[in-house]
C-alpha atoms as a PDB file:
ATOM      1  CA  MET A   1      11.594 -24.651   9.808  1.00  0.00           C
ATOM      2  CA  LYS A   2       8.447 -23.272   9.872  1.00  0.00           C
ATOM      3  CA  THR A   3       7.320 -20.124   7.625  1.00  0.00           C
ATOM      4  CA  ALA A   4       4.883 -17.361   8.862  1.00  0.00           C
ATOM      5  CA  THR A   5       3.213 -14.623   7.008  1.00  0.00           C
ATOM      6  CA  PHE A   6       2.154 -11.701   8.944  1.00  0.00           C
ATOM      7  CA  SER A   7       0.731  -8.481   7.842  1.00  0.00           C
ATOM      8  CA  ILE A   8       2.244  -5.233   7.868  1.00  0.00           C
ATOM      9  CA  GLU A   9       0.559  -2.177   7.760  1.00  0.00           C
ATOM     10  CA  ARG A  10       2.216   1.512   7.790  1.00  0.00           C
ATOM     11  CA  CYS A  11       0.197   4.248   9.495  1.00  0.00           C
ATOM     12  CA  ASN A  12       0.610   8.094  10.398  1.00  0.00           C
ATOM     13  CA  THR A  13       0.199   8.868  14.192  1.00  0.00           C
ATOM     14  CA  PRO A  14       1.015  11.913  15.986  1.00  0.00           C
ATOM     15  CA  THR A  15       4.100  10.273  17.087  1.00  0.00           C
ATOM     16  CA  GLY A  16       5.291   9.453  13.720  1.00  0.00           C
ATOM     17  CA  ARG A  17       4.900   6.616  11.152  1.00  0.00           C
ATOM     18  CA  MET A  18       3.920   3.354  12.897  1.00  0.00           C
ATOM     19  CA  LEU A  19       4.362  -0.515  11.582  1.00  0.00           C
ATOM     20  CA  VAL A  20       1.473  -2.682  12.791  1.00  0.00           C
ATOM     21  CA  VAL A  21       2.295  -6.386  12.241  1.00  0.00           C
ATOM     22  CA  SER A  22      -0.495  -9.012  12.978  1.00  0.00           C
ATOM     23  CA  ASP A  23      -1.173 -12.475  11.870  1.00  0.00           C
ATOM     24  CA  GLU A  24      -4.275 -14.270   9.710  1.00  0.00           C
ATOM     25  CA  HIS A  25      -6.291 -14.462  12.935  1.00  0.00           C
ATOM     26  CA  GLY A  26      -5.974 -10.487  13.792  1.00  0.00           C
ATOM     27  CA  ASN A  27      -3.534 -11.097  16.794  1.00  0.00           C
ATOM     28  CA  LEU A  28      -1.212  -8.205  16.892  1.00  0.00           C
ATOM     29  CA  ARG A  29       2.577  -9.530  16.785  1.00  0.00           C
ATOM     30  CA  ALA A  30       4.497  -6.323  16.656  1.00  0.00           C
ATOM     31  CA  LEU A  31       3.847  -2.441  16.701  1.00  0.00           C
ATOM     32  CA  ASP A  32       6.719  -0.093  16.495  1.00  0.00           C
ATOM     33  CA  TRP A  33       7.617   3.097  14.942  1.00  0.00           C
ATOM     34  CA  GLU A  34       9.153   2.976  11.444  1.00  0.00           C
ATOM     35  CA  ASP A  35      12.185   4.577  12.489  1.00  0.00           C
ATOM     36  CA  HIS A  36      12.776   1.760  14.413  1.00  0.00           C
ATOM     37  CA  GLU A  37      11.901  -0.956  11.943  1.00  0.00           C
ATOM     38  CA  GLU A  38      15.364  -2.546  12.258  1.00  0.00           C
ATOM     39  CA  ARG A  39      14.943  -3.063  15.948  1.00  0.00           C
ATOM     40  CA  MET A  40      11.290  -4.702  15.306  1.00  0.00           C
ATOM     41  CA  GLN A  41      12.821  -7.141  12.964  1.00  0.00           C
ATOM     42  CA  ARG A  42      15.417  -8.063  15.275  1.00  0.00           C
ATOM     43  CA  LEU A  43      12.782  -8.807  18.004  1.00  0.00           C
ATOM     44  CA  LEU A  44      10.649 -10.827  15.411  1.00  0.00           C
ATOM     45  CA  LEU A  45      13.669 -12.763  14.466  1.00  0.00           C
ATOM     46  CA  ARG A  46      14.594 -13.400  18.402  1.00  0.00           C
ATOM     47  CA  TYR A  47      11.146 -14.312  19.112  1.00  0.00           C
ATOM     48  CA  TYR A  48      10.398 -16.677  16.316  1.00  0.00           C
ATOM     49  CA  ARG A  49      13.824 -18.250  15.831  1.00  0.00           C
ATOM     50  CA  ASP A  50      12.383 -21.478  14.663  1.00  0.00           C
ATOM     51  CA  THR A  51      10.254 -19.770  11.764  1.00  0.00           C
ATOM     52  CA  THR A  52      10.947 -17.980   8.998  1.00  0.00           C
ATOM     53  CA  ILE A  53       8.530 -14.682   8.735  1.00  0.00           C
ATOM     54  CA  ALA A  54       7.266 -12.967   5.904  1.00  0.00           C
ATOM     55  CA  LEU A  55       5.779  -9.577   5.903  1.00  0.00           C
ATOM     56  CA  ARG A  56       3.143  -8.653   3.471  1.00  0.00           C
ATOM     57  CA  GLU A  57       2.227  -5.281   3.098  1.00  0.00           C
ATOM     58  CA  VAL A  58      -1.494  -4.614   3.446  1.00  0.00           C
ATOM     59  CA  THR A  59      -3.699  -1.272   2.993  1.00  0.00           C
ATOM     60  CA  ARG A  60      -6.734  -2.920   4.019  1.00  0.00           C
ATOM     61  CA  LYS A  61      -7.025  -1.698   7.895  1.00  0.00           C
ATOM     62  CA  SER A  62      -6.810  -4.561  10.333  1.00  0.00           C
ATOM     63  CA  SER A  63      -8.431  -4.278  13.681  1.00  0.00           C
ATOM     64  CA  ALA A  64      -5.336  -3.559  15.443  1.00  0.00           C
ATOM     65  CA  ARG A  65      -4.974  -0.530  13.036  1.00  0.00           C
ATOM     66  CA  ARG A  66      -8.573   0.850  13.999  1.00  0.00           C
ATOM     67  CA  ALA A  67      -8.105   0.473  17.384  1.00  0.00           C
ATOM     68  CA  LEU A  68      -4.666   2.338  17.205  1.00  0.00           C
ATOM     69  CA  ASP A  69      -6.557   5.220  15.275  1.00  0.00           C
ATOM     70  CA  ALA A  70      -8.745   5.479  17.597  1.00  0.00           C
ATOM     71  CA  TYR A  71      -6.429   5.406  20.531  1.00  0.00           C
ATOM     72  CA  PHE A  72      -4.882   8.584  18.893  1.00  0.00           C
ATOM     73  CA  ASP A  73      -8.061  10.176  18.206  1.00  0.00           C
ATOM     74  CA  GLY A  74      -8.826  10.552  22.004  1.00  0.00           C
ATOM     75  CA  GLU A  75     -10.551   6.943  22.664  1.00  0.00           C
ATOM     76  CA  LEU A  76      -7.744   5.766  25.018  1.00  0.00           C
ATOM     77  CA  GLY A  77      -9.457   2.438  25.882  1.00  0.00           C
ATOM     78  CA  ALA A  78      -9.769   1.424  22.251  1.00  0.00           C
ATOM     79  CA  ILE A  79      -6.360  -0.753  22.314  1.00  0.00           C
ATOM     80  CA  ASP A  80      -7.445  -2.290  25.593  1.00  0.00           C
ATOM     81  CA  GLU A  81      -9.199  -5.597  24.504  1.00  0.00           C
ATOM     82  CA  LEU A  82      -6.807  -5.867  21.325  1.00  0.00           C
ATOM     83  CA  GLN A  83      -5.495  -9.674  21.120  1.00  0.00           C
ATOM     84  CA  THR A  84      -2.086 -10.065  21.193  1.00  0.00           C
ATOM     85  CA  ALA A  85       0.664 -12.861  20.233  1.00  0.00           C
ATOM     86  CA  THR A  86       4.268 -12.733  21.021  1.00  0.00           C
ATOM     87  CA  GLY A  87       7.117 -14.996  21.388  1.00  0.00           C
ATOM     88  CA  GLY A  88       9.512 -14.271  24.281  1.00  0.00           C
ATOM     89  CA  THR A  89       9.992 -16.581  27.417  1.00  0.00           C
ATOM     90  CA  PRO A  90       7.533 -17.072  29.936  1.00  0.00           C
ATOM     91  CA  PHE A  91       9.064 -14.447  32.437  1.00  0.00           C
ATOM     92  CA  GLN A  92       8.898 -11.820  29.560  1.00  0.00           C
ATOM     93  CA  ARG A  93       5.262 -12.832  28.760  1.00  0.00           C
ATOM     94  CA  GLU A  94       4.326 -12.665  32.192  1.00  0.00           C
ATOM     95  CA  VAL A  95       5.877  -9.059  32.469  1.00  0.00           C
ATOM     96  CA  TRP A  96       4.089  -7.952  29.526  1.00  0.00           C
ATOM     97  CA  GLY A  97       0.848  -9.263  30.965  1.00  0.00           C
ATOM     98  CA  ALA A  98       1.281  -7.071  33.727  1.00  0.00           C
ATOM     99  CA  LEU A  99       1.880  -4.114  31.425  1.00  0.00           C
ATOM    100  CA  ARG A 100      -1.348  -4.530  30.193  1.00  0.00           C
ATOM    101  CA  ARG A 101      -2.876  -4.301  33.566  1.00  0.00           C
ATOM    102  CA  ILE A 102      -1.509  -0.981  34.372  1.00  0.00           C
ATOM    103  CA  PRO A 103      -4.557   1.481  33.949  1.00  0.00           C
ATOM    104  CA  THR A 104      -4.292   4.263  31.535  1.00  0.00           C
ATOM    105  CA  GLY A 105      -3.761   7.376  33.043  1.00  0.00           C
ATOM    106  CA  HIS A 106      -1.334   5.618  35.612  1.00  0.00           C
ATOM    107  CA  THR A 107       2.321   4.868  35.951  1.00  0.00           C
ATOM    108  CA  LEU A 108       4.258   2.293  37.826  1.00  0.00           C
ATOM    109  CA  SER A 109       7.845   1.905  38.807  1.00  0.00           C
ATOM    110  CA  TYR A 110       9.829  -1.006  37.917  1.00  0.00           C
ATOM    111  CA  GLY A 111      10.059  -1.995  41.294  1.00  0.00           C
ATOM    112  CA  GLY A 112       6.038  -1.915  41.233  1.00  0.00           C
ATOM    113  CA  LEU A 113       5.757  -3.978  38.162  1.00  0.00           C
ATOM    114  CA  ALA A 114       8.249  -6.494  39.664  1.00  0.00           C
ATOM    115  CA  ALA A 115       6.014  -6.553  42.982  1.00  0.00           C
ATOM    116  CA  SER A 116       2.907  -6.773  40.667  1.00  0.00           C
ATOM    117  CA  ILE A 117       4.060 -10.295  39.412  1.00  0.00           C
ATOM    118  CA  GLY A 118       5.280 -11.481  43.024  1.00  0.00           C
ATOM    119  CA  ARG A 119       8.931 -11.245  42.371  1.00  0.00           C
ATOM    120  CA  PRO A 120       9.693  -7.819  44.068  1.00  0.00           C
ATOM    121  CA  ALA A 121      13.380  -8.474  43.835  1.00  0.00           C
ATOM    122  CA  ALA A 122      13.381  -9.081  40.032  1.00  0.00           C
ATOM    123  CA  VAL A 123      13.638  -5.318  39.309  1.00  0.00           C
ATOM    124  CA  ARG A 124      16.298  -5.607  36.675  1.00  0.00           C
ATOM    125  CA  ALA A 125      14.594  -8.607  34.724  1.00  0.00           C
ATOM    126  CA  VAL A 126      11.607  -6.754  34.937  1.00  0.00           C
ATOM    127  CA  GLY A 127      13.568  -3.744  32.960  1.00  0.00           C
ATOM    128  CA  LEU A 128      15.189  -6.059  30.658  1.00  0.00           C
ATOM    129  CA  ALA A 129      11.816  -7.799  29.367  1.00  0.00           C
ATOM    130  CA  ASN A 130      10.181  -4.462  29.549  1.00  0.00           C
ATOM    131  CA  GLY A 131      12.931  -2.996  27.192  1.00  0.00           C
ATOM    132  CA  ALA A 132      12.202  -6.085  24.889  1.00  0.00           C
ATOM    133  CA  ASN A 133       8.553  -5.746  24.534  1.00  0.00           C
ATOM    134  CA  PRO A 134       7.513  -5.849  20.894  1.00  0.00           C
ATOM    135  CA  ILE A 135       4.226  -4.190  20.755  1.00  0.00           C
ATOM    136  CA  ALA A 136       4.364  -0.739  21.595  1.00  0.00           C
ATOM    137  CA  ILE A 137       1.565   1.316  23.260  1.00  0.00           C
ATOM    138  CA  VAL A 138      -0.648  -1.722  23.265  1.00  0.00           C
ATOM    139  CA  VAL A 139       1.744  -3.394  25.789  1.00  0.00           C
ATOM    140  CA  PRO A 140       1.972  -0.031  27.478  1.00  0.00           C
ATOM    141  CA  CYS A 141       5.695  -0.096  28.416  1.00  0.00           C
ATOM    142  CA  HIS A 142       5.748   3.707  28.130  1.00  0.00           C
ATOM    143  CA  ARG A 143       3.820   3.569  31.550  1.00  0.00           C
ATOM    144  CA  VAL A 144       7.063   2.214  33.304  1.00  0.00           C
ATOM    145  CA  ILE A 145       8.745   4.942  35.310  1.00  0.00           C
ATOM    146  CA  GLY A 146      11.846   5.298  37.654  1.00  0.00           C
ATOM    147  CA  ALA A 147      11.264   4.870  41.213  1.00  0.00           C
ATOM    148  CA  ASN A 148      11.547   8.459  41.835  1.00  0.00           C
ATOM    149  CA  ALA A 149       8.898   9.285  39.247  1.00  0.00           C
ATOM    150  CA  SER A 150      11.593  10.056  36.442  1.00  0.00           C
ATOM    151  CA  LEU A 151      11.224   9.265  32.983  1.00  0.00           C
ATOM    152  CA  THR A 152      13.113   6.426  32.188  1.00  0.00           C
ATOM    153  CA  GLY A 153      14.423   4.976  28.820  1.00  0.00           C
ATOM    154  CA  TYR A 154      12.031   4.113  26.207  1.00  0.00           C
ATOM    155  CA  GLY A 155      12.626   2.256  23.180  1.00  0.00           C
ATOM    156  CA  GLY A 156      10.600   4.914  20.828  1.00  0.00           C
ATOM    157  CA  GLY A 157      12.364   7.757  22.419  1.00  0.00           C
ATOM    158  CA  LEU A 158      11.877  10.065  25.620  1.00  0.00           C
ATOM    159  CA  GLU A 159       9.688  12.355  23.627  1.00  0.00           C
ATOM    160  CA  ARG A 160       7.447   9.818  22.283  1.00  0.00           C
ATOM    161  CA  LYS A 161       6.892   8.440  26.145  1.00  0.00           C
ATOM    162  CA  ARG A 162       6.224  12.151  27.363  1.00  0.00           C
ATOM    163  CA  TRP A 163       3.522  12.642  24.321  1.00  0.00           C
ATOM    164  CA  LEU A 164       2.077   9.310  24.752  1.00  0.00           C
ATOM    165  CA  LEU A 165       1.815  10.003  28.897  1.00  0.00           C
ATOM    166  CA  ALA A 166       0.372  13.366  28.401  1.00  0.00           C
ATOM    167  CA  HIS A 167      -2.245  11.918  25.893  1.00  0.00           C
ATOM    168  CA  GLU A 168      -3.647   9.547  28.447  1.00  0.00           C
ATOM    169  CA  GLY A 169      -3.632  12.170  30.870  1.00  0.00           C
ATOM    170  CA  VAL A 170      -0.454  11.524  33.258  1.00  0.00           C
ATOM    171  CA  GLU A 171       0.649  14.283  35.182  1.00  0.00           C
ATOM    172  CA  GLN A 172       4.240  14.120  35.054  1.00  0.00           C
ATOM    173  CA  SER A 173       6.376  16.914  36.344  1.00  0.00           C
ATOM    174  CA  THR A 174       6.430  19.951  34.079  1.00  0.00           C
ATOM    175  CA  SER A 175       7.713  18.182  31.266  1.00  0.00           C
ATOM    176  CA  ILE A 176       4.550  16.953  30.703  1.00  0.00           C
ATOM    177  CA  GLN A 177       1.605  18.751  29.254  1.00  0.00           C
ATOM    178  CA  ARG A 178      -1.595  17.542  29.960  1.00  0.00           C
ATOM    179  CA  THR A 179      -3.362  19.572  27.190  1.00  0.00           C
ATOM    180  CA  SER A 180      -3.739  18.256  23.747  1.00  0.00           C
ATOM    181  CA  PRO A 181      -0.498  17.303  22.982  1.00  0.00           C
ATOM    182  CA  ARG A 182       0.763  18.459  19.416  1.00  0.00           C
ATOM    183  CA  PRO A 183       2.526  15.737  16.743  1.00  0.00           C
ATOM    184  CA  ILE A 184       6.026  15.354  17.461  1.00  0.00           C
ATOM    185  CA  SER A 185       8.456  15.646  14.680  1.00  0.00           C
ATOM    186  CA  VAL A 186      10.669  12.507  14.279  1.00  0.00           C
ATOM    187  CA  SER A 187      13.675  12.395  12.110  1.00  0.00           C
ATOM    188  CA  ALA A 188      14.787   9.156  10.393  1.00  0.00           C
ATOM    189  CA  PRO A 189      17.654   7.588  11.832  1.00  0.00           C
END
């Protein structure tokens, strides 16, 4: 079995403390909230079955961390060019690529996402792939909403999804505030 060592950084954001996992080439491998670290670990195990993953805590800021900090400081495009590397099936990677093409400040339904990859009948499969995304925010699964424009499930929680959409300027019913979103409080599981 192969071994891979990834760097893990912990950083404070207005949405809670996050974990930034990257490889030696600077590719972002995972991004999740600290209160969902167990889920992130499960996804890493699932996507790298043939590899033993070692996570090494680092304090020096990676390019992914600097881009994430800039994103939260209002430079929304700072994350657009980040290089990512994920496991997953070819279909999942196709969905995750389509997620990255949803422009900042816009949303898309699951049906619209399925149609964008040329598989309009694969709405459920697209939803499952969306939910298995190991790289929050940068692979913006928070931009996917229900067909009726409702906010649907989000791995980081609906409060975070609302916050991220508001931060990006998405006008969503009265539950989304367009002006400077305040930090949210998140309790540990």
